[in-house]
Amino acid sequence: MKNMIKKIAAIAMAFTLIGTGTAATKIISPRSVNTLTASAARNTKAYRVKCRFALPISFSYADALLTNTSLDHAVSGGGNFVLNLTIYEGTVLELDSKGKCVSGYNAKTGKNLKGADFSRFMHNMQRLY
């Protein structure tokens, strides 16, 4: 009976820790062989774009050739090209703690925005969770 209560308590604690975003690093019951440990997912949060803005993306000439980026619309500066990418209202992004996009697509164009830095544009976003 004691082992069953310990297992139920371990499972309940694991789900509680997963829900709070923390990780259990110590064994809950030292004598138990089948101890349940919890690990948190990525520390990211979802945001929705409140108003349209232009995001400058820097890339090299080689990158432009590989991705078929039109250099007519890009501005050259210091050996790199800068393209102002329009981010449309309603776009939902998953950002890490530094403002870098982990996943998300532009609402109007469908362009993948993974890896883009949104740290300077947090004032244009509404946090969802």
N, C-alpha and C. Protein backbone atom coordinates (compact mmCIF):
# COMPACT_ATOMS: atom_id res chain seq x y z
N MET A 1 0.82 -1.19 0.00
CA MET A 1 0.00 0.00 0.00
C MET A 1 0.87 1.26 0.00
N LYS A 2 1.99 1.24 0.78
CA LYS A 2 2.87 2.40 0.84
C LYS A 2 3.47 2.69 -0.54
N ASN A 3 3.90 1.62 -1.24
CA ASN A 3 4.50 1.81 -2.56
C ASN A 3 3.50 2.40 -3.54
N MET A 4 2.25 1.98 -3.46
CA MET A 4 1.23 2.51 -4.35
C MET A 4 0.99 4.00 -4.09
N ILE A 5 0.94 4.39 -2.83
CA ILE A 5 0.76 5.80 -2.48
C ILE A 5 1.95 6.62 -2.97
N LYS A 6 3.17 6.06 -2.82
CA LYS A 6 4.36 6.75 -3.29
C LYS A 6 4.32 6.96 -4.80
N LYS A 7 3.88 5.94 -5.54
CA LYS A 7 3.80 6.06 -7.00
C LYS A 7 2.76 7.09 -7.42
N ILE A 8 1.63 7.07 -6.76
CA ILE A 8 0.58 8.06 -7.08
C ILE A 8 1.08 9.47 -6.77
N ALA A 9 1.74 9.64 -5.64
CA ALA A 9 2.28 10.96 -5.28
C ALA A 9 3.35 11.39 -6.27
N ALA A 10 4.18 10.46 -6.72
CA ALA A 10 5.24 10.79 -7.70
C ALA A 10 4.64 11.23 -9.02
N ILE A 11 3.60 10.52 -9.47
CA ILE A 11 2.94 10.89 -10.73
C ILE A 11 2.28 12.25 -10.59
N ALA A 12 1.60 12.49 -9.50
CA ALA A 12 0.94 13.79 -9.29
C ALA A 12 1.96 14.92 -9.26
N MET A 13 3.09 14.69 -8.57
CA MET A 13 4.13 15.72 -8.51
C MET A 13 4.74 15.97 -9.88
N ALA A 14 4.95 14.92 -10.65
CA ALA A 14 5.54 15.06 -11.99
C ALA A 14 4.64 15.90 -12.89
N PHE A 15 3.34 15.63 -12.87
CA PHE A 15 2.43 16.41 -13.70
C PHE A 15 2.33 17.85 -13.21
N THR A 16 2.41 18.07 -11.93
CA THR A 16 2.41 19.44 -11.39
C THR A 16 3.64 20.19 -11.86
N LEU A 17 4.81 19.54 -11.80
CA LEU A 17 6.05 20.19 -12.23
C LEU A 17 6.06 20.45 -13.72
N ILE A 18 5.53 19.53 -14.51
CA ILE A 18 5.45 19.75 -15.95
C ILE A 18 4.57 20.96 -16.24
N GLY A 19 3.47 21.08 -15.52
CA GLY A 19 2.56 22.20 -15.72
C GLY A 19 3.16 23.54 -15.35
N THR A 20 4.07 23.56 -14.38
CA THR A 20 4.68 24.82 -13.96
C THR A 20 5.92 25.17 -14.76
N GLY A 21 6.42 24.24 -15.57
CA GLY A 21 7.58 24.53 -16.41
C GLY A 21 8.90 24.32 -15.72
N THR A 22 8.93 23.62 -14.60
CA THR A 22 10.19 23.33 -13.92
C THR A 22 10.55 21.87 -14.12
N ALA A 23 11.71 21.49 -13.68
CA ALA A 23 12.15 20.11 -13.85
C ALA A 23 12.50 19.49 -12.51
N ALA A 24 12.14 18.22 -12.36
CA ALA A 24 12.52 17.48 -11.15
C ALA A 24 13.85 16.82 -11.44
N THR A 25 14.87 17.19 -10.70
CA THR A 25 16.20 16.64 -10.96
C THR A 25 16.60 15.58 -9.96
N LYS A 26 15.93 15.51 -8.82
CA LYS A 26 16.26 14.53 -7.79
C LYS A 26 15.26 13.38 -7.83
N ILE A 27 15.69 12.25 -7.39
CA ILE A 27 14.81 11.10 -7.33
C ILE A 27 13.82 11.32 -6.18
N ILE A 28 12.56 11.03 -6.45
CA ILE A 28 11.52 11.28 -5.46
C ILE A 28 11.58 10.25 -4.34
N SER A 29 11.75 9.00 -4.69
CA SER A 29 11.84 7.94 -3.69
C SER A 29 13.15 7.18 -3.92
N PRO A 30 14.16 7.35 -3.09
CA PRO A 30 15.48 6.77 -3.34
C PRO A 30 15.49 5.26 -3.49
N ARG A 31 14.57 4.55 -2.80
CA ARG A 31 14.58 3.09 -2.86
C ARG A 31 13.79 2.55 -4.04
N SER A 32 13.05 3.39 -4.72
CA SER A 32 12.21 2.95 -5.82
C SER A 32 13.03 2.81 -7.10
N VAL A 33 12.81 1.73 -7.84
CA VAL A 33 13.52 1.51 -9.09
C VAL A 33 12.83 2.23 -10.23
N ASN A 34 11.52 2.23 -10.25
CA ASN A 34 10.75 2.84 -11.33
C ASN A 34 10.27 4.24 -10.93
N THR A 35 11.20 5.11 -10.68
CA THR A 35 10.85 6.47 -10.26
C THR A 35 10.52 7.31 -11.48
N LEU A 36 9.46 8.07 -11.40
CA LEU A 36 9.05 8.95 -12.48
C LEU A 36 9.69 10.30 -12.28
N THR A 37 10.44 10.76 -13.29
CA THR A 37 11.02 12.10 -13.22
C THR A 37 10.39 12.96 -14.31
N ALA A 38 10.33 14.24 -14.08
CA ALA A 38 9.72 15.17 -15.03
C ALA A 38 10.77 16.09 -15.60
N SER A 39 10.61 16.42 -16.86
CA SER A 39 11.48 17.42 -17.46
C SER A 39 10.60 18.40 -18.22
N ALA A 40 10.95 19.66 -18.14
CA ALA A 40 10.13 20.70 -18.76
C ALA A 40 10.43 20.79 -20.25
N ALA A 41 9.46 21.28 -21.00
CA ALA A 41 9.65 21.54 -22.42
C ALA A 41 10.48 22.82 -22.58
N ARG A 42 10.67 23.23 -23.83
CA ARG A 42 11.42 24.46 -24.08
C ARG A 42 10.78 25.62 -23.33
N ASN A 43 11.61 26.54 -22.92
CA ASN A 43 11.12 27.72 -22.20
C ASN A 43 10.73 28.77 -23.24
N THR A 44 9.56 28.61 -23.85
CA THR A 44 9.10 29.52 -24.88
C THR A 44 7.71 30.04 -24.54
N LYS A 45 7.33 31.13 -25.18
CA LYS A 45 6.02 31.72 -24.98
C LYS A 45 5.45 32.12 -26.34
N ALA A 46 4.13 32.07 -26.46
CA ALA A 46 3.47 32.43 -27.72
C ALA A 46 3.05 33.90 -27.70
N TYR A 47 3.21 34.56 -28.84
CA TYR A 47 2.84 35.97 -28.99
C TYR A 47 2.05 36.14 -30.28
N ARG A 48 1.13 37.12 -30.28
CA ARG A 48 0.39 37.49 -31.48
C ARG A 48 0.78 38.91 -31.85
N VAL A 49 1.04 39.14 -33.13
CA VAL A 49 1.42 40.48 -33.61
C VAL A 49 0.18 41.38 -33.58
N LYS A 50 0.30 42.53 -32.87
CA LYS A 50 -0.82 43.47 -32.73
C LYS A 50 -0.94 44.37 -33.94
N CYS A 51 0.19 44.85 -34.47
CA CYS A 51 0.14 45.75 -35.62
C CYS A 51 1.31 45.44 -36.55
N ARG A 52 1.10 45.67 -37.82
CA ARG A 52 2.07 45.34 -38.86
C ARG A 52 3.36 46.14 -38.65
N PHE A 53 4.51 45.49 -38.91
CA PHE A 53 5.80 46.19 -38.84
C PHE A 53 6.79 45.53 -39.80
N ALA A 54 7.89 46.23 -40.07
CA ALA A 54 8.92 45.73 -40.98
C ALA A 54 10.08 45.19 -40.15
N LEU A 55 10.45 43.95 -40.42
CA LEU A 55 11.55 43.29 -39.71
C LEU A 55 12.76 43.24 -40.65
N PRO A 56 13.87 43.92 -40.31
CA PRO A 56 15.05 43.85 -41.18
C PRO A 56 15.76 42.51 -41.02
N ILE A 57 15.97 41.82 -42.14
CA ILE A 57 16.66 40.53 -42.14
C ILE A 57 17.97 40.71 -42.89
N SER A 58 19.09 40.35 -42.25
CA SER A 58 20.41 40.48 -42.87
C SER A 58 20.82 39.14 -43.48
N PHE A 59 21.38 39.18 -44.68
CA PHE A 59 21.84 37.95 -45.33
C PHE A 59 22.98 38.29 -46.29
N SER A 60 23.76 37.28 -46.62
CA SER A 60 24.91 37.47 -47.53
C SER A 60 24.46 37.29 -48.97
N TYR A 61 25.34 37.65 -49.89
CA TYR A 61 25.05 37.48 -51.32
C TYR A 61 24.85 36.00 -51.64
N ALA A 62 25.66 35.13 -51.03
CA ALA A 62 25.53 33.69 -51.26
C ALA A 62 24.17 33.18 -50.78
N ASP A 63 23.73 33.68 -49.61
CA ASP A 63 22.40 33.29 -49.10
C ASP A 63 21.31 33.73 -50.07
N ALA A 64 21.47 34.91 -50.63
CA ALA A 64 20.48 35.44 -51.57
C ALA A 64 20.39 34.55 -52.80
N LEU A 65 21.53 34.08 -53.30
CA LEU A 65 21.53 33.20 -54.47
C LEU A 65 20.89 31.85 -54.15
N LEU A 66 21.18 31.34 -52.95
CA LEU A 66 20.63 30.03 -52.56
C LEU A 66 19.12 30.07 -52.36
N THR A 67 18.61 31.17 -51.82
CA THR A 67 17.18 31.26 -51.50
C THR A 67 16.37 32.01 -52.57
N ASN A 68 17.02 32.41 -53.67
CA ASN A 68 16.36 33.16 -54.75
C ASN A 68 15.74 34.46 -54.25
N THR A 69 16.42 35.13 -53.33
CA THR A 69 15.94 36.42 -52.82
C THR A 69 16.22 37.49 -53.86
N SER A 70 15.23 38.30 -54.14
CA SER A 70 15.40 39.37 -55.11
C SER A 70 16.25 40.48 -54.51
N LEU A 71 17.40 40.72 -55.10
CA LEU A 71 18.30 41.75 -54.58
C LEU A 71 17.84 43.15 -54.98
N ASP A 72 16.84 43.23 -55.86
CA ASP A 72 16.31 44.54 -56.26
C ASP A 72 15.64 45.23 -55.06
N HIS A 73 15.07 44.44 -54.15
CA HIS A 73 14.36 44.99 -53.01
C HIS A 73 15.20 45.01 -51.75
N ALA A 74 16.46 44.64 -51.86
CA ALA A 74 17.34 44.58 -50.69
C ALA A 74 18.30 45.76 -50.71
N VAL A 75 18.69 46.19 -49.55
CA VAL A 75 19.62 47.30 -49.40
C VAL A 75 20.97 46.72 -48.96
N SER A 76 22.04 47.10 -49.66
CA SER A 76 23.36 46.58 -49.33
C SER A 76 23.98 47.42 -48.22
N GLY A 77 24.68 46.74 -47.31
CA GLY A 77 25.36 47.46 -46.25
C GLY A 77 26.43 46.59 -45.63
N GLY A 78 27.68 46.98 -45.74
CA GLY A 78 28.78 46.26 -45.11
C GLY A 78 28.99 44.85 -45.62
N GLY A 79 28.77 44.60 -46.91
CA GLY A 79 28.98 43.27 -47.46
C GLY A 79 27.77 42.37 -47.31
N ASN A 80 26.80 42.77 -46.52
CA ASN A 80 25.57 41.99 -46.36
C ASN A 80 24.41 42.77 -46.96
N PHE A 81 23.33 42.08 -47.21
CA PHE A 81 22.11 42.70 -47.70
C PHE A 81 21.08 42.68 -46.59
N VAL A 82 20.27 43.72 -46.55
CA VAL A 82 19.21 43.81 -45.54
C VAL A 82 17.88 43.90 -46.28
N LEU A 83 16.98 43.01 -45.95
CA LEU A 83 15.66 42.98 -46.57
C LEU A 83 14.64 43.29 -45.48
N ASN A 84 13.77 44.25 -45.73
CA ASN A 84 12.71 44.58 -44.78
C ASN A 84 11.54 43.65 -45.03
N LEU A 85 11.35 42.71 -44.13
CA LEU A 85 10.28 41.73 -44.24
C LEU A 85 9.08 42.23 -43.46
N THR A 86 7.92 42.32 -44.11
CA THR A 86 6.71 42.80 -43.44
C THR A 86 6.09 41.67 -42.64
N ILE A 87 5.89 41.91 -41.35
CA ILE A 87 5.22 40.96 -40.46
C ILE A 87 3.79 41.48 -40.27
N TYR A 88 2.82 40.66 -40.62
CA TYR A 88 1.43 41.10 -40.64
C TYR A 88 0.71 40.86 -39.32
N GLU A 89 -0.28 41.69 -39.07
CA GLU A 89 -1.11 41.59 -37.87
C GLU A 89 -1.78 40.22 -37.83
N GLY A 90 -1.82 39.62 -36.64
CA GLY A 90 -2.43 38.31 -36.49
C GLY A 90 -1.45 37.15 -36.55
N THR A 91 -0.20 37.43 -36.93
CA THR A 91 0.82 36.39 -36.97
C THR A 91 1.07 35.89 -35.55
N VAL A 92 1.10 34.57 -35.36
CA VAL A 92 1.36 33.98 -34.05
C VAL A 92 2.75 33.36 -34.08
N LEU A 93 3.58 33.76 -33.11
CA LEU A 93 4.97 33.32 -33.04
C LEU A 93 5.26 32.68 -31.69
N GLU A 94 6.13 31.70 -31.68
CA GLU A 94 6.62 31.13 -30.44
C GLU A 94 8.05 31.63 -30.28
N LEU A 95 8.29 32.42 -29.23
CA LEU A 95 9.59 33.06 -29.03
C LEU A 95 10.26 32.52 -27.78
N ASP A 96 11.60 32.44 -27.83
CA ASP A 96 12.34 32.03 -26.63
C ASP A 96 12.52 33.25 -25.73
N SER A 97 13.23 33.09 -24.63
CA SER A 97 13.36 34.16 -23.64
C SER A 97 14.13 35.36 -24.17
N LYS A 98 14.90 35.19 -25.25
CA LYS A 98 15.68 36.31 -25.82
C LYS A 98 14.98 36.97 -26.99
N GLY A 99 13.77 36.51 -27.34
CA GLY A 99 13.02 37.12 -28.43
C GLY A 99 13.28 36.50 -29.78
N LYS A 100 13.97 35.38 -29.84
CA LYS A 100 14.25 34.70 -31.10
C LYS A 100 13.11 33.72 -31.41
N CYS A 101 12.68 33.70 -32.67
CA CYS A 101 11.54 32.88 -33.08
C CYS A 101 11.92 31.39 -33.12
N VAL A 102 11.19 30.59 -32.38
CA VAL A 102 11.39 29.14 -32.37
C VAL A 102 10.50 28.50 -33.43
N SER A 103 9.29 29.00 -33.59
CA SER A 103 8.40 28.55 -34.66
C SER A 103 7.35 29.62 -34.93
N GLY A 104 6.90 29.66 -36.17
CA GLY A 104 5.88 30.63 -36.56
C GLY A 104 5.95 30.95 -38.03
N TYR A 105 4.79 31.29 -38.58
CA TYR A 105 4.68 31.62 -40.00
C TYR A 105 3.97 32.96 -40.14
N ASN A 106 4.39 33.75 -41.13
CA ASN A 106 3.76 35.04 -41.39
C ASN A 106 2.31 34.81 -41.78
N ALA A 107 1.39 35.55 -41.17
CA ALA A 107 -0.05 35.32 -41.35
C ALA A 107 -0.49 35.48 -42.80
N LYS A 108 0.07 36.43 -43.52
CA LYS A 108 -0.40 36.70 -44.89
C LYS A 108 0.39 35.93 -45.94
N THR A 109 1.71 35.87 -45.79
CA THR A 109 2.55 35.25 -46.82
C THR A 109 2.85 33.78 -46.58
N GLY A 110 2.73 33.32 -45.33
CA GLY A 110 3.04 31.93 -45.00
C GLY A 110 4.52 31.64 -44.88
N LYS A 111 5.36 32.68 -44.91
CA LYS A 111 6.81 32.51 -44.81
C LYS A 111 7.21 32.05 -43.41
N ASN A 112 8.08 31.04 -43.36
CA ASN A 112 8.58 30.53 -42.09
C ASN A 112 9.50 31.58 -41.47
N LEU A 113 9.26 31.92 -40.21
CA LEU A 113 10.03 32.97 -39.53
C LEU A 113 10.98 32.41 -38.48
N LYS A 114 11.21 31.10 -38.49
CA LYS A 114 12.09 30.46 -37.50
C LYS A 114 13.49 31.07 -37.57
N GLY A 115 14.01 31.45 -36.40
CA GLY A 115 15.35 32.02 -36.31
C GLY A 115 15.40 33.53 -36.36
N ALA A 116 14.30 34.18 -36.74
CA ALA A 116 14.29 35.65 -36.81
C ALA A 116 14.29 36.24 -35.40
N ASP A 117 14.95 37.39 -35.25
CA ASP A 117 15.08 38.04 -33.95
C ASP A 117 14.00 39.12 -33.80
N PHE A 118 13.10 38.92 -32.84
CA PHE A 118 12.00 39.86 -32.59
C PHE A 118 12.19 40.64 -31.30
N SER A 119 13.38 40.60 -30.72
CA SER A 119 13.60 41.24 -29.42
C SER A 119 13.31 42.74 -29.43
N ARG A 120 13.56 43.43 -30.55
CA ARG A 120 13.31 44.88 -30.61
C ARG A 120 11.86 45.22 -30.91
N PHE A 121 11.02 44.20 -31.17
CA PHE A 121 9.65 44.46 -31.59
C PHE A 121 8.62 43.90 -30.61
N MET A 122 9.04 43.65 -29.37
CA MET A 122 8.14 43.08 -28.39
C MET A 122 6.96 44.01 -28.08
N HIS A 123 7.14 45.33 -28.25
CA HIS A 123 6.05 46.28 -28.01
C HIS A 123 4.93 46.13 -29.03
N ASN A 124 5.20 45.46 -30.17
CA ASN A 124 4.18 45.24 -31.20
C ASN A 124 3.46 43.92 -31.01
N MET A 125 3.72 43.22 -29.90
CA MET A 125 3.16 41.89 -29.72
C MET A 125 2.35 41.77 -28.44
N GLN A 126 1.39 40.86 -28.49
CA GLN A 126 0.54 40.56 -27.33
C GLN A 126 0.85 39.14 -26.91
N ARG A 127 1.19 38.97 -25.64
CA ARG A 127 1.54 37.64 -25.14
C ARG A 127 0.28 36.80 -24.97
N LEU A 128 0.31 35.58 -25.51
CA LEU A 128 -0.83 34.68 -25.41
C LEU A 128 -0.69 33.78 -24.19
N TYR A 129 0.50 33.21 -23.99
CA TYR A 129 0.80 32.40 -22.79
C TYR A 129 2.27 32.32 -22.57
